[in-house]
Amino acid sequence: MPLAAETMGFWGWFFLLLIFIPLTIIWVFTLIDIFSRSDLSGWAKALWVVFVIILPLLGMLVYFIARPMTAEDVEAQEEYVRMKDFSEASDAADKLHKLAELRDKGDLSQEEFETQKARLLGGS
C-alpha cells in the first residue's frame, strides 16, 4: 500500500502548503478574534461562529470587513503612527548628521549642504 506522501504530486503539496494551511490558520485566528471580542454579546459571537464555520471563506471575509474597530485597535494604530514618525525623524537626523560630516570634510559645499538640508527637512 503506497504512502500518502508518495502519491501526492506537486499540485497536491502546492495546495496543501500554500493554500490549505494558510487558510486554516486565518480561519483559526478569526475564531479566536470572535471569542476575544468584549464588544460582542454571546448571541452575536454564536452567530459569527456559525457563519464562519458553515461558510469559512465568505464568513472570514464578511467578518473582517464588517468588524468594527475597538479601542485596542485605535490604540495600536496610533502607536504605529507614533513609531513611524519617530523612525522617520531618526532617519532624517542621521542623514542630516552625515550631510554635516560631508560638509565638514569638504566633500560638499555650503550651498549643496543647504540645498540637501532644505530638501531633507522640507520633505520635497
PDB file of N, CA and C in Angstrom:
ATOM      1  N   MET A   1       0.849  -1.175   0.000  1.00  0.00           N
ATOM      2  CA  MET A   1       0.000   0.000   0.000  1.00  0.00           C
ATOM      3  C   MET A   1       0.897   1.241   0.000  1.00  0.00           C
ATOM      4  N   PRO A   2       0.738   2.135  -0.984  1.00  0.00           N
ATOM      5  CA  PRO A   2       1.610   3.314  -1.067  1.00  0.00           C
ATOM      6  C   PRO A   2       1.262   4.329   0.024  1.00  0.00           C
ATOM      7  N   LEU A   3       2.299   5.043   0.459  1.00  0.00           N
ATOM      8  CA  LEU A   3       2.095   6.094   1.446  1.00  0.00           C
ATOM      9  C   LEU A   3       1.464   7.311   0.794  1.00  0.00           C
ATOM     10  N   ALA A   4       0.778   8.118   1.591  1.00  0.00           N
ATOM     11  CA  ALA A   4       0.109   9.309   1.054  1.00  0.00           C
ATOM     12  C   ALA A   4       1.112  10.295   0.491  1.00  0.00           C
ATOM     13  N   ALA A   5       2.287  10.408   1.107  1.00  0.00           N
ATOM     14  CA  ALA A   5       3.302  11.356   0.632  1.00  0.00           C
ATOM     15  C   ALA A   5       3.846  10.947  -0.726  1.00  0.00           C
ATOM     16  N   GLU A   6       3.888   9.641  -0.989  1.00  0.00           N
ATOM     17  CA  GLU A   6       4.407   9.183  -2.272  1.00  0.00           C
ATOM     18  C   GLU A   6       3.410   9.406  -3.402  1.00  0.00           C
ATOM     19  N   THR A   7       2.128   9.367  -3.110  1.00  0.00           N
ATOM     20  CA  THR A   7       1.121   9.518  -4.155  1.00  0.00           C
ATOM     21  C   THR A   7       0.755  10.975  -4.407  1.00  0.00           C
ATOM     22  N   MET A   8       1.104  11.851  -3.475  1.00  0.00           N
ATOM     23  CA  MET A   8       0.748  13.255  -3.644  1.00  0.00           C
ATOM     24  C   MET A   8       1.800  13.930  -4.516  1.00  0.00           C
ATOM     25  N   GLY A   9       1.363  14.501  -5.632  1.00  0.00           N
ATOM     26  CA  GLY A   9       2.282  15.161  -6.548  1.00  0.00           C
ATOM     27  C   GLY A   9       2.519  16.616  -6.186  1.00  0.00           C
ATOM     28  N   PHE A  10       3.106  17.336  -7.139  1.00  0.00           N
ATOM     29  CA  PHE A  10       3.444  18.739  -6.938  1.00  0.00           C
ATOM     30  C   PHE A  10       2.232  19.569  -6.569  1.00  0.00           C
ATOM     31  N   TRP A  11       1.134  19.410  -7.317  1.00  0.00           N
ATOM     32  CA  TRP A  11      -0.039  20.248  -7.080  1.00  0.00           C
ATOM     33  C   TRP A  11      -0.711  19.915  -5.762  1.00  0.00           C
ATOM     34  N   GLY A  12      -0.607  18.668  -5.330  1.00  0.00           N
ATOM     35  CA  GLY A  12      -1.136  18.304  -4.020  1.00  0.00           C
ATOM     36  C   GLY A  12      -0.388  19.001  -2.905  1.00  0.00           C
ATOM     37  N   TRP A  13       0.941  18.995  -2.976  1.00  0.00           N
ATOM     38  CA  TRP A  13       1.753  19.694  -1.985  1.00  0.00           C
ATOM     39  C   TRP A  13       1.548  21.200  -2.080  1.00  0.00           C
ATOM     40  N   PHE A  14       1.449  21.719  -3.311  1.00  0.00           N
ATOM     41  CA  PHE A  14       1.211  23.153  -3.510  1.00  0.00           C
ATOM     42  C   PHE A  14      -0.081  23.569  -2.820  1.00  0.00           C
ATOM     43  N   PHE A  15      -1.147  22.813  -3.070  1.00  0.00           N
ATOM     44  CA  PHE A  15      -2.436  23.134  -2.463  1.00  0.00           C
ATOM     45  C   PHE A  15      -2.351  23.059  -0.945  1.00  0.00           C
ATOM     46  N   LEU A  16      -1.684  22.025  -0.438  1.00  0.00           N
ATOM     47  CA  LEU A  16      -1.599  21.838   0.997  1.00  0.00           C
ATOM     48  C   LEU A  16      -0.791  22.948   1.673  1.00  0.00           C
ATOM     49  N   LEU A  17       0.391  23.245   1.161  1.00  0.00           N
ATOM     50  CA  LEU A  17       1.295  24.170   1.834  1.00  0.00           C
ATOM     51  C   LEU A  17       0.983  25.635   1.586  1.00  0.00           C
ATOM     52  N   LEU A  18       0.516  25.976   0.418  1.00  0.00           N
ATOM     53  CA  LEU A  18       0.344  27.389   0.085  1.00  0.00           C
ATOM     54  C   LEU A  18      -1.105  27.873   0.098  1.00  0.00           C
ATOM     55  N   ILE A  19      -2.041  26.959   0.190  1.00  0.00           N
ATOM     56  CA  ILE A  19      -3.439  27.388   0.193  1.00  0.00           C
ATOM     57  C   ILE A  19      -4.171  26.872   1.437  1.00  0.00           C
ATOM     58  N   PHE A  20      -4.181  25.561   1.643  1.00  0.00           N
ATOM     59  CA  PHE A  20      -4.982  24.990   2.714  1.00  0.00           C
ATOM     60  C   PHE A  20      -4.486  25.385   4.102  1.00  0.00           C
ATOM     61  N   ILE A  21      -3.199  25.230   4.375  1.00  0.00           N
ATOM     62  CA  ILE A  21      -2.662  25.533   5.707  1.00  0.00           C
ATOM     63  C   ILE A  21      -2.798  27.023   6.048  1.00  0.00           C
ATOM     64  N   PRO A  22      -2.420  27.969   5.146  1.00  0.00           N
ATOM     65  CA  PRO A  22      -2.632  29.390   5.495  1.00  0.00           C
ATOM     66  C   PRO A  22      -4.096  29.744   5.718  1.00  0.00           C
ATOM     67  N   LEU A  23      -4.997  29.210   4.912  1.00  0.00           N
ATOM     68  CA  LEU A  23      -6.423  29.496   5.117  1.00  0.00           C
ATOM     69  C   LEU A  23      -6.918  28.920   6.438  1.00  0.00           C
ATOM     70  N   THR A  24      -6.412  27.762   6.812  1.00  0.00           N
ATOM     71  CA  THR A  24      -6.788  27.167   8.094  1.00  0.00           C
ATOM     72  C   THR A  24      -6.293  28.037   9.253  1.00  0.00           C
ATOM     73  N   ILE A  25      -5.084  28.554   9.142  1.00  0.00           N
ATOM     74  CA  ILE A  25      -4.544  29.431  10.184  1.00  0.00           C
ATOM     75  C   ILE A  25      -5.390  30.700  10.301  1.00  0.00           C
ATOM     76  N   ILE A  26      -5.750  31.308   9.168  1.00  0.00           N
ATOM     77  CA  ILE A  26      -6.584  32.512   9.195  1.00  0.00           C
ATOM     78  C   ILE A  26      -7.957  32.196   9.784  1.00  0.00           C
ATOM     79  N   TRP A  27      -8.495  31.032   9.461  1.00  0.00           N
ATOM     80  CA  TRP A  27      -9.786  30.614   9.994  1.00  0.00           C
ATOM     81  C   TRP A  27      -9.727  30.496  11.516  1.00  0.00           C
ATOM     82  N   VAL A  28      -8.658  29.876  12.031  1.00  0.00           N
ATOM     83  CA  VAL A  28      -8.494  29.734  13.483  1.00  0.00           C
ATOM     84  C   VAL A  28      -8.344  31.111  14.132  1.00  0.00           C
ATOM     85  N   PHE A  29      -7.540  31.993  13.537  1.00  0.00           N
ATOM     86  CA  PHE A  29      -7.384  33.339  14.089  1.00  0.00           C
ATOM     87  C   PHE A  29      -8.704  34.108  14.071  1.00  0.00           C
ATOM     88  N   THR A  30      -9.528  33.869  13.064  1.00  0.00           N
ATOM     89  CA  THR A  30     -10.845  34.510  13.018  1.00  0.00           C
ATOM     90  C   THR A  30     -11.696  34.051  14.197  1.00  0.00           C
ATOM     91  N   LEU A  31     -11.704  32.756  14.454  1.00  0.00           N
ATOM     92  CA  LEU A  31     -12.479  32.240  15.592  1.00  0.00           C
ATOM     93  C   LEU A  31     -11.936  32.777  16.914  1.00  0.00           C
ATOM     94  N   ILE A  32     -10.615  32.850  17.044  1.00  0.00           N
ATOM     95  CA  ILE A  32     -10.016  33.403  18.262  1.00  0.00           C
ATOM     96  C   ILE A  32     -10.423  34.862  18.431  1.00  0.00           C
ATOM     97  N   ASP A  33     -10.413  35.626  17.329  1.00  0.00           N
ATOM     98  CA  ASP A  33     -10.791  37.039  17.401  1.00  0.00           C
ATOM     99  C   ASP A  33     -12.255  37.195  17.800  1.00  0.00           C
ATOM    100  N   ILE A  34     -13.105  36.338  17.270  1.00  0.00           N
ATOM    101  CA  ILE A  34     -14.527  36.408  17.624  1.00  0.00           C
ATOM    102  C   ILE A  34     -14.706  36.180  19.123  1.00  0.00           C
ATOM    103  N   PHE A  35     -14.049  35.169  19.665  1.00  0.00           N
ATOM    104  CA  PHE A  35     -14.217  34.850  21.087  1.00  0.00           C
ATOM    105  C   PHE A  35     -13.528  35.854  21.995  1.00  0.00           C
ATOM    106  N   SER A  36     -12.523  36.550  21.508  1.00  0.00           N
ATOM    107  CA  SER A  36     -11.817  37.504  22.365  1.00  0.00           C
ATOM    108  C   SER A  36     -12.447  38.892  22.363  1.00  0.00           C
ATOM    109  N   ARG A  37     -13.442  39.114  21.522  1.00  0.00           N
ATOM    110  CA  ARG A  37     -14.087  40.426  21.460  1.00  0.00           C
ATOM    111  C   ARG A  37     -14.968  40.637  22.683  1.00  0.00           C
ATOM    112  N   SER A  38     -14.788  41.776  23.337  1.00  0.00           N
ATOM    113  CA  SER A  38     -15.623  42.078  24.503  1.00  0.00           C
ATOM    114  C   SER A  38     -16.849  42.904  24.115  1.00  0.00           C
ATOM    115  N   ASP A  39     -16.861  43.437  22.890  1.00  0.00           N
ATOM    116  CA  ASP A  39     -17.986  44.263  22.472  1.00  0.00           C
ATOM    117  C   ASP A  39     -19.104  43.456  21.814  1.00  0.00           C
ATOM    118  N   LEU A  40     -18.930  42.144  21.638  1.00  0.00           N
ATOM    119  CA  LEU A  40     -19.970  41.300  21.062  1.00  0.00           C
ATOM    120  C   LEU A  40     -20.678  40.540  22.178  1.00  0.00           C
ATOM    121  N   SER A  41     -22.004  40.427  22.031  1.00  0.00           N
ATOM    122  CA  SER A  41     -22.755  39.635  23.005  1.00  0.00           C
ATOM    123  C   SER A  41     -22.553  38.152  22.714  1.00  0.00           C
ATOM    124  N   GLY A  42     -23.017  37.326  23.595  1.00  0.00           N
ATOM    125  CA  GLY A  42     -22.887  35.877  23.406  1.00  0.00           C
ATOM    126  C   GLY A  42     -23.594  35.388  22.161  1.00  0.00           C
ATOM    127  N   TRP A  43     -24.787  35.947  21.892  1.00  0.00           N
ATOM    128  CA  TRP A  43     -25.541  35.536  20.704  1.00  0.00           C
ATOM    129  C   TRP A  43     -24.856  36.006  19.425  1.00  0.00           C
ATOM    130  N   ALA A  44     -24.293  37.192  19.453  1.00  0.00           N
ATOM    131  CA  ALA A  44     -23.584  37.683  18.270  1.00  0.00           C
ATOM    132  C   ALA A  44     -22.352  36.826  17.989  1.00  0.00           C
ATOM    133  N   LYS A  45     -21.644  36.460  19.050  1.00  0.00           N
ATOM    134  CA  LYS A  45     -20.483  35.574  18.874  1.00  0.00           C
ATOM    135  C   LYS A  45     -20.915  34.235  18.300  1.00  0.00           C
ATOM    136  N   ALA A  46     -22.019  33.697  18.818  1.00  0.00           N
ATOM    137  CA  ALA A  46     -22.510  32.403  18.334  1.00  0.00           C
ATOM    138  C   ALA A  46     -22.888  32.476  16.859  1.00  0.00           C
ATOM    139  N   LEU A  47     -23.563  33.553  16.470  1.00  0.00           N
ATOM    140  CA  LEU A  47     -23.946  33.701  15.057  1.00  0.00           C
ATOM    141  C   LEU A  47     -22.718  33.830  14.156  1.00  0.00           C
ATOM    142  N   TRP A  48     -21.719  34.606  14.591  1.00  0.00           N
ATOM    143  CA  TRP A  48     -20.497  34.741  13.796  1.00  0.00           C
ATOM    144  C   TRP A  48     -19.778  33.399  13.679  1.00  0.00           C
ATOM    145  N   VAL A  49     -19.712  32.649  14.774  1.00  0.00           N
ATOM    146  CA  VAL A  49     -19.033  31.344  14.738  1.00  0.00           C
ATOM    147  C   VAL A  49     -19.751  30.404  13.782  1.00  0.00           C
ATOM    148  N   VAL A  50     -21.060  30.359  13.846  1.00  0.00           N
ATOM    149  CA  VAL A  50     -21.822  29.501  12.931  1.00  0.00           C
ATOM    150  C   VAL A  50     -21.572  29.925  11.492  1.00  0.00           C
ATOM    151  N   PHE A  51     -21.604  31.218  11.222  1.00  0.00           N
ATOM    152  CA  PHE A  51     -21.375  31.732   9.867  1.00  0.00           C
ATOM    153  C   PHE A  51     -19.970  31.390   9.375  1.00  0.00           C
ATOM    154  N   VAL A  52     -18.972  31.548  10.236  1.00  0.00           N
ATOM    155  CA  VAL A  52     -17.585  31.277   9.844  1.00  0.00           C
ATOM    156  C   VAL A  52     -17.342  29.780   9.678  1.00  0.00           C
ATOM    157  N   ILE A  53     -18.032  28.955  10.457  1.00  0.00           N
ATOM    158  CA  ILE A  53     -17.842  27.507  10.329  1.00  0.00           C
ATOM    159  C   ILE A  53     -18.570  26.966   9.100  1.00  0.00           C
ATOM    160  N   ILE A  54     -19.790  27.440   8.840  1.00  0.00           N
ATOM    161  CA  ILE A  54     -20.560  26.916   7.703  1.00  0.00           C
ATOM    162  C   ILE A  54     -19.997  27.413   6.373  1.00  0.00           C
ATOM    163  N   LEU A  55     -19.689  28.696   6.276  1.00  0.00           N
ATOM    164  CA  LEU A  55     -19.120  29.269   5.047  1.00  0.00           C
ATOM    165  C   LEU A  55     -17.762  29.914   5.387  1.00  0.00           C
ATOM    166  N   PRO A  56     -16.708  29.124   5.478  1.00  0.00           N
ATOM    167  CA  PRO A  56     -15.438  29.647   6.000  1.00  0.00           C
ATOM    168  C   PRO A  56     -14.881  30.841   5.233  1.00  0.00           C
ATOM    169  N   LEU A  57     -14.728  30.751   3.937  1.00  0.00           N
ATOM    170  CA  LEU A  57     -14.122  31.855   3.187  1.00  0.00           C
ATOM    171  C   LEU A  57     -14.995  33.097   3.223  1.00  0.00           C
ATOM    172  N   LEU A  58     -16.256  32.938   2.910  1.00  0.00           N
ATOM    173  CA  LEU A  58     -17.172  34.073   2.914  1.00  0.00           C
ATOM    174  C   LEU A  58     -17.347  34.613   4.330  1.00  0.00           C
ATOM    175  N   GLY A  59     -17.440  33.725   5.307  1.00  0.00           N
ATOM    176  CA  GLY A  59     -17.604  34.148   6.695  1.00  0.00           C
ATOM    177  C   GLY A  59     -16.423  34.971   7.181  1.00  0.00           C
ATOM    178  N   MET A  60     -15.183  34.517   6.881  1.00  0.00           N
ATOM    179  CA  MET A  60     -13.999  35.273   7.299  1.00  0.00           C
ATOM    180  C   MET A  60     -13.960  36.638   6.627  1.00  0.00           C
ATOM    181  N   LEU A  61     -14.245  36.654   5.343  1.00  0.00           N
ATOM    182  CA  LEU A  61     -14.198  37.907   4.588  1.00  0.00           C
ATOM    183  C   LEU A  61     -15.228  38.905   5.127  1.00  0.00           C
ATOM    184  N   VAL A  62     -16.457  38.461   5.305  1.00  0.00           N
ATOM    185  CA  VAL A  62     -17.513  39.346   5.799  1.00  0.00           C
ATOM    186  C   VAL A  62     -17.201  39.795   7.227  1.00  0.00           C
ATOM    187  N   TYR A  63     -16.679  38.888   8.063  1.00  0.00           N
ATOM    188  CA  TYR A  63     -16.374  39.254   9.445  1.00  0.00           C
ATOM    189  C   TYR A  63     -15.326  40.355   9.501  1.00  0.00           C
ATOM    190  N   PHE A  64     -14.238  40.214   8.760  1.00  0.00           N
ATOM    191  CA  PHE A  64     -13.181  41.211   8.848  1.00  0.00           C
ATOM    192  C   PHE A  64     -13.547  42.531   8.160  1.00  0.00           C
ATOM    193  N   ILE A  65     -14.478  42.497   7.209  1.00  0.00           N
ATOM    194  CA  ILE A  65     -14.950  43.747   6.600  1.00  0.00           C
ATOM    195  C   ILE A  65     -15.939  44.443   7.535  1.00  0.00           C
ATOM    196  N   ALA A  66     -16.840  43.677   8.143  1.00  0.00           N
ATOM    197  CA  ALA A  66     -17.893  44.256   8.986  1.00  0.00           C
ATOM    198  C   ALA A  66     -17.426  44.499  10.417  1.00  0.00           C
ATOM    199  N   ARG A  67     -16.273  44.012  10.782  1.00  0.00           N
ATOM    200  CA  ARG A  67     -15.764  44.115  12.157  1.00  0.00           C
ATOM    201  C   ARG A  67     -15.493  45.564  12.522  1.00  0.00           C
ATOM    202  N   PRO A  68     -16.190  46.099  13.521  1.00  0.00           N
ATOM    203  CA  PRO A  68     -15.918  47.488  13.931  1.00  0.00           C
ATOM    204  C   PRO A  68     -14.596  47.569  14.691  1.00  0.00           C
ATOM    205  N   MET A  69     -13.972  48.740  14.633  1.00  0.00           N
ATOM    206  CA  MET A  69     -12.711  48.937  15.338  1.00  0.00           C
ATOM    207  C   MET A  69     -12.984  49.076  16.831  1.00  0.00           C
ATOM    208  N   THR A  70     -12.130  48.455  17.623  1.00  0.00           N
ATOM    209  CA  THR A  70     -12.242  48.565  19.074  1.00  0.00           C
ATOM    210  C   THR A  70     -11.246  49.607  19.568  1.00  0.00           C
ATOM    211  N   ALA A  71     -11.321  49.903  20.846  1.00  0.00           N
ATOM    212  CA  ALA A  71     -10.381  50.864  21.438  1.00  0.00           C
ATOM    213  C   ALA A  71      -8.949  50.353  21.322  1.00  0.00           C
ATOM    214  N   GLU A  72      -8.768  49.041  21.454  1.00  0.00           N
ATOM    215  CA  GLU A  72      -7.428  48.459  21.316  1.00  0.00           C
ATOM    216  C   GLU A  72      -6.899  48.647  19.895  1.00  0.00           C
ATOM    217  N   ASP A  73      -7.780  48.523  18.897  1.00  0.00           N
ATOM    218  CA  ASP A  73      -7.364  48.725  17.510  1.00  0.00           C
ATOM    219  C   ASP A  73      -6.924  50.167  17.279  1.00  0.00           C
ATOM    220  N   VAL A  74      -7.677  51.110  17.830  1.00  0.00           N
ATOM    221  CA  VAL A  74      -7.342  52.525  17.675  1.00  0.00           C
ATOM    222  C   VAL A  74      -6.009  52.829  18.353  1.00  0.00           C
ATOM    223  N   GLU A  75      -5.801  52.281  19.563  1.00  0.00           N
ATOM    224  CA  GLU A  75      -4.532  52.490  20.273  1.00  0.00           C
ATOM    225  C   GLU A  75      -3.372  51.894  19.493  1.00  0.00           C
ATOM    226  N   ALA A  76      -3.553  50.719  18.934  1.00  0.00           N
ATOM    227  CA  ALA A  76      -2.489  50.081  18.152  1.00  0.00           C
ATOM    228  C   ALA A  76      -2.172  50.906  16.912  1.00  0.00           C
ATOM    229  N   GLN A  77      -3.182  51.449  16.264  1.00  0.00           N
ATOM    230  CA  GLN A  77      -2.968  52.278  15.086  1.00  0.00           C
ATOM    231  C   GLN A  77      -2.229  53.559  15.454  1.00  0.00           C
ATOM    232  N   GLU A  78      -2.613  54.194  16.561  1.00  0.00           N
ATOM    233  CA  GLU A  78      -1.924  55.415  16.998  1.00  0.00           C
ATOM    234  C   GLU A  78      -0.479  55.126  17.369  1.00  0.00           C
ATOM    235  N   GLU A  79      -0.216  54.001  18.021  1.00  0.00           N
ATOM    236  CA  GLU A  79       1.151  53.612  18.384  1.00  0.00           C
ATOM    237  C   GLU A  79       1.988  53.378  17.127  1.00  0.00           C
ATOM    238  N   TYR A  80       1.379  52.758  16.113  1.00  0.00           N
ATOM    239  CA  TYR A  80       2.084  52.535  14.848  1.00  0.00           C
ATOM    240  C   TYR A  80       2.466  53.865  14.203  1.00  0.00           C
ATOM    241  N   VAL A  81       1.561  54.835  14.199  1.00  0.00           N
ATOM    242  CA  VAL A  81       1.846  56.142  13.609  1.00  0.00           C
ATOM    243  C   VAL A  81       2.952  56.844  14.392  1.00  0.00           C
ATOM    244  N   ARG A  82       2.904  56.761  15.731  1.00  0.00           N
ATOM    245  CA  ARG A  82       3.962  57.368  16.556  1.00  0.00           C
ATOM    246  C   ARG A  82       5.320  56.743  16.264  1.00  0.00           C
ATOM    247  N   MET A  83       5.364  55.428  16.176  1.00  0.00           N
ATOM    248  CA  MET A  83       6.634  54.741  15.910  1.00  0.00           C
ATOM    249  C   MET A  83       7.139  55.062  14.502  1.00  0.00           C
ATOM    250  N   LYS A  84       6.236  55.175  13.553  1.00  0.00           N
ATOM    251  CA  LYS A  84       6.626  55.511  12.186  1.00  0.00           C
ATOM    252  C   LYS A  84       7.196  56.930  12.140  1.00  0.00           C
ATOM    253  N   ASP A  85       6.535  57.874  12.814  1.00  0.00           N
ATOM    254  CA  ASP A  85       7.022  59.251  12.861  1.00  0.00           C
ATOM    255  C   ASP A  85       8.382  59.316  13.544  1.00  0.00           C
ATOM    256  N   PHE A  86       8.560  58.559  14.638  1.00  0.00           N
ATOM    257  CA  PHE A  86       9.843  58.535  15.341  1.00  0.00           C
ATOM    258  C   PHE A  86      10.936  57.970  14.447  1.00  0.00           C
ATOM    259  N   SER A  87      10.616  56.917  13.723  1.00  0.00           N
ATOM    260  CA  SER A  87      11.595  56.293  12.832  1.00  0.00           C
ATOM    261  C   SER A  87      11.995  57.249  11.719  1.00  0.00           C
ATOM    262  N   GLU A  88      11.017  57.948  11.145  1.00  0.00           N
ATOM    263  CA  GLU A  88      11.331  58.905  10.083  1.00  0.00           C
ATOM    264  C   GLU A  88      12.158  60.066  10.616  1.00  0.00           C
ATOM    265  N   ALA A  89      11.865  60.532  11.828  1.00  0.00           N
ATOM    266  CA  ALA A  89      12.641  61.612  12.430  1.00  0.00           C
ATOM    267  C   ALA A  89      14.060  61.152  12.709  1.00  0.00           C
ATOM    268  N   SER A  90      14.200  59.927  13.161  1.00  0.00           N
ATOM    269  CA  SER A  90      15.527  59.379  13.428  1.00  0.00           C
ATOM    270  C   SER A  90      16.323  59.267  12.136  1.00  0.00           C
ATOM    271  N   ASP A  91      15.683  58.802  11.064  1.00  0.00           N
ATOM    272  CA  ASP A  91      16.354  58.712   9.768  1.00  0.00           C
ATOM    273  C   ASP A  91      16.790  60.088   9.280  1.00  0.00           C
ATOM    274  N   ALA A  92      15.914  61.085   9.430  1.00  0.00           N
ATOM    275  CA  ALA A  92      16.245  62.439   8.988  1.00  0.00           C
ATOM    276  C   ALA A  92      17.421  62.990   9.784  1.00  0.00           C
ATOM    277  N   ALA A  93      17.455  62.733  11.093  1.00  0.00           N
ATOM    278  CA  ALA A  93      18.562  63.211  11.923  1.00  0.00           C
ATOM    279  C   ALA A  93      19.870  62.537  11.511  1.00  0.00           C
ATOM    280  N   ASP A  94      19.822  61.245  11.227  1.00  0.00           N
ATOM    281  CA  ASP A  94      21.025  60.537  10.783  1.00  0.00           C
ATOM    282  C   ASP A  94      21.527  61.092   9.450  1.00  0.00           C
ATOM    283  N   LYS A  95      20.610  61.327   8.528  1.00  0.00           N
ATOM    284  CA  LYS A  95      21.003  61.867   7.220  1.00  0.00           C
ATOM    285  C   LYS A  95      21.574  63.277   7.347  1.00  0.00           C
ATOM    286  N   LEU A  96      20.963  64.073   8.209  1.00  0.00           N
ATOM    287  CA  LEU A  96      21.456  65.434   8.424  1.00  0.00           C
ATOM    288  C   LEU A  96      22.858  65.410   9.040  1.00  0.00           C
ATOM    289  N   HIS A  97      23.094  64.500   9.954  1.00  0.00           N
ATOM    290  CA  HIS A  97      24.412  64.352  10.564  1.00  0.00           C
ATOM    291  C   HIS A  97      25.454  63.953   9.511  1.00  0.00           C
ATOM    292  N   LYS A  98      25.095  63.038   8.632  1.00  0.00           N
ATOM    293  CA  LYS A  98      26.027  62.611   7.574  1.00  0.00           C
ATOM    294  C   LYS A  98      26.299  63.741   6.599  1.00  0.00           C
ATOM    295  N   LEU A  99      25.267  64.522   6.293  1.00  0.00           N
ATOM    296  CA  LEU A  99      25.477  65.683   5.426  1.00  0.00           C
ATOM    297  C   LEU A  99      26.445  66.674   6.071  1.00  0.00           C
ATOM    298  N   ALA A 100      26.298  66.902   7.373  1.00  0.00           N
ATOM    299  CA  ALA A 100      27.193  67.825   8.079  1.00  0.00           C
ATOM    300  C   ALA A 100      28.623  67.295   8.061  1.00  0.00           C
ATOM    301  N   GLU A 101      28.783  65.986   8.226  1.00  0.00           N
ATOM    302  CA  GLU A 101      30.126  65.400   8.159  1.00  0.00           C
ATOM    303  C   GLU A 101      30.744  65.596   6.777  1.00  0.00           C
ATOM    304  N   LEU A 102      29.934  65.377   5.735  1.00  0.00           N
ATOM    305  CA  LEU A 102      30.445  65.569   4.366  1.00  0.00           C
ATOM    306  C   LEU A 102      30.828  67.025   4.126  1.00  0.00           C
ATOM    307  N   ARG A 103      30.038  67.943   4.667  1.00  0.00           N
ATOM    308  CA  ARG A 103      30.355  69.364   4.532  1.00  0.00           C
ATOM    309  C   ARG A 103      31.642  69.698   5.279  1.00  0.00           C
ATOM    310  N   ASP A 104      31.787  69.158   6.486  1.00  0.00           N
ATOM    311  CA  ASP A 104      32.981  69.435   7.289  1.00  0.00           C
ATOM    312  C   ASP A 104      34.246  68.860   6.647  1.00  0.00           C
ATOM    313  N   LYS A 105      34.110  67.729   5.967  1.00  0.00           N
ATOM    314  CA  LYS A 105      35.277  67.148   5.293  1.00  0.00           C
ATOM    315  C   LYS A 105      35.597  67.867   3.991  1.00  0.00           C
ATOM    316  N   GLY A 106      34.677  68.666   3.504  1.00  0.00           N
ATOM    317  CA  GLY A 106      34.908  69.399   2.269  1.00  0.00           C
ATOM    318  C   GLY A 106      34.343  68.704   1.036  1.00  0.00           C
ATOM    319  N   ASP A 107      33.642  67.592   1.225  1.00  0.00           N
ATOM    320  CA  ASP A 107      33.056  66.877   0.086  1.00  0.00           C
ATOM    321  C   ASP A 107      31.813  67.587  -0.446  1.00  0.00           C
ATOM    322  N   LEU A 108      31.180  68.393   0.392  1.00  0.00           N
ATOM    323  CA  LEU A 108      30.012  69.179  -0.022  1.00  0.00           C
ATOM    324  C   LEU A 108      30.290  70.647   0.241  1.00  0.00           C
ATOM    325  N   SER A 109      29.854  71.465  -0.700  1.00  0.00           N
ATOM    326  CA  SER A 109      29.969  72.902  -0.466  1.00  0.00           C
ATOM    327  C   SER A 109      28.841  73.338   0.466  1.00  0.00           C
ATOM    328  N   GLN A 110      28.934  74.558   0.987  1.00  0.00           N
ATOM    329  CA  GLN A 110      27.900  75.072   1.887  1.00  0.00           C
ATOM    330  C   GLN A 110      26.562  75.171   1.160  1.00  0.00           C
ATOM    331  N   GLU A 111      26.583  75.573  -0.132  1.00  0.00           N
ATOM    332  CA  GLU A 111      25.343  75.689  -0.908  1.00  0.00           C
ATOM    333  C   GLU A 111      24.703  74.314  -1.111  1.00  0.00           C
ATOM    334  N   GLU A 112      25.530  73.294  -1.432  1.00  0.00           N
ATOM    335  CA  GLU A 112      24.997  71.946  -1.611  1.00  0.00           C
ATOM    336  C   GLU A 112      24.422  71.424  -0.289  1.00  0.00           C
ATOM    337  N   PHE A 113      25.123  71.705   0.803  1.00  0.00           N
ATOM    338  CA  PHE A 113      24.638  71.286   2.116  1.00  0.00           C
ATOM    339  C   PHE A 113      23.287  71.920   2.424  1.00  0.00           C
ATOM    340  N   GLU A 114      23.163  73.225   2.186  1.00  0.00           N
ATOM    341  CA  GLU A 114      21.896  73.923   2.466  1.00  0.00           C
ATOM    342  C   GLU A 114      20.776  73.379   1.588  1.00  0.00           C
ATOM    343  N   THR A 115      21.094  73.092   0.320  1.00  0.00           N
ATOM    344  CA  THR A 115      20.084  72.549  -0.593  1.00  0.00           C
ATOM    345  C   THR A 115      19.599  71.182  -0.118  1.00  0.00           C
ATOM    346  N   GLN A 116      20.556  70.299   0.234  1.00  0.00           N
ATOM    347  CA  GLN A 116      20.197  68.959   0.696  1.00  0.00           C
ATOM    348  C   GLN A 116      19.465  69.022   2.053  1.00  0.00           C
ATOM    349  N   LYS A 117      19.883  69.937   2.899  1.00  0.00           N
ATOM    350  CA  LYS A 117      19.236  70.095   4.205  1.00  0.00           C
ATOM    351  C   LYS A 117      17.790  70.559   4.028  1.00  0.00           C
ATOM    352  N   ALA A 118      17.588  71.525   3.142  1.00  0.00           N
ATOM    353  CA  ALA A 118      16.232  72.017   2.892  1.00  0.00           C
ATOM    354  C   ALA A 118      15.356  70.904   2.297  1.00  0.00           C
ATOM    355  N   ARG A 119      15.919  70.132   1.390  1.00  0.00           N
ATOM    356  CA  ARG A 119      15.173  69.024   0.787  1.00  0.00           C
ATOM    357  C   ARG A 119      14.822  67.968   1.838  1.00  0.00           C
ATOM    358  N   LEU A 120      15.784  67.683   2.714  1.00  0.00           N
ATOM    359  CA  LEU A 120      15.584  66.672   3.752  1.00  0.00           C
ATOM    360  C   LEU A 120      14.559  67.137   4.788  1.00  0.00           C
ATOM    361  N   LEU A 121      14.661  68.356   5.244  1.00  0.00           N
ATOM    362  CA  LEU A 121      13.747  68.863   6.267  1.00  0.00           C
ATOM    363  C   LEU A 121      12.389  69.247   5.705  1.00  0.00           C
ATOM    364  N   GLY A 122      12.396  69.676   4.441  1.00  0.00           N
ATOM    365  CA  GLY A 122      11.124  70.047   3.811  1.00  0.00           C
ATOM    366  C   GLY A 122      10.362  68.863   3.286  1.00  0.00           C
ATOM    367  N   GLY A 123      11.055  67.736   3.097  1.00  0.00           N
ATOM    368  CA  GLY A 123      10.386  66.545   2.601  1.00  0.00           C
ATOM    369  C   GLY A 123      10.107  66.573   1.114  1.00  0.00           C
ATOM    370  N   SER A 124      10.633  67.562   0.410  1.00  0.00           N
ATOM    371  CA  SER A 124      10.368  67.613  -1.024  1.00  0.00           C
ATOM    372  C   SER A 124      11.563  67.193  -1.818  1.00  0.00           C
TER     373      SER A 124
END
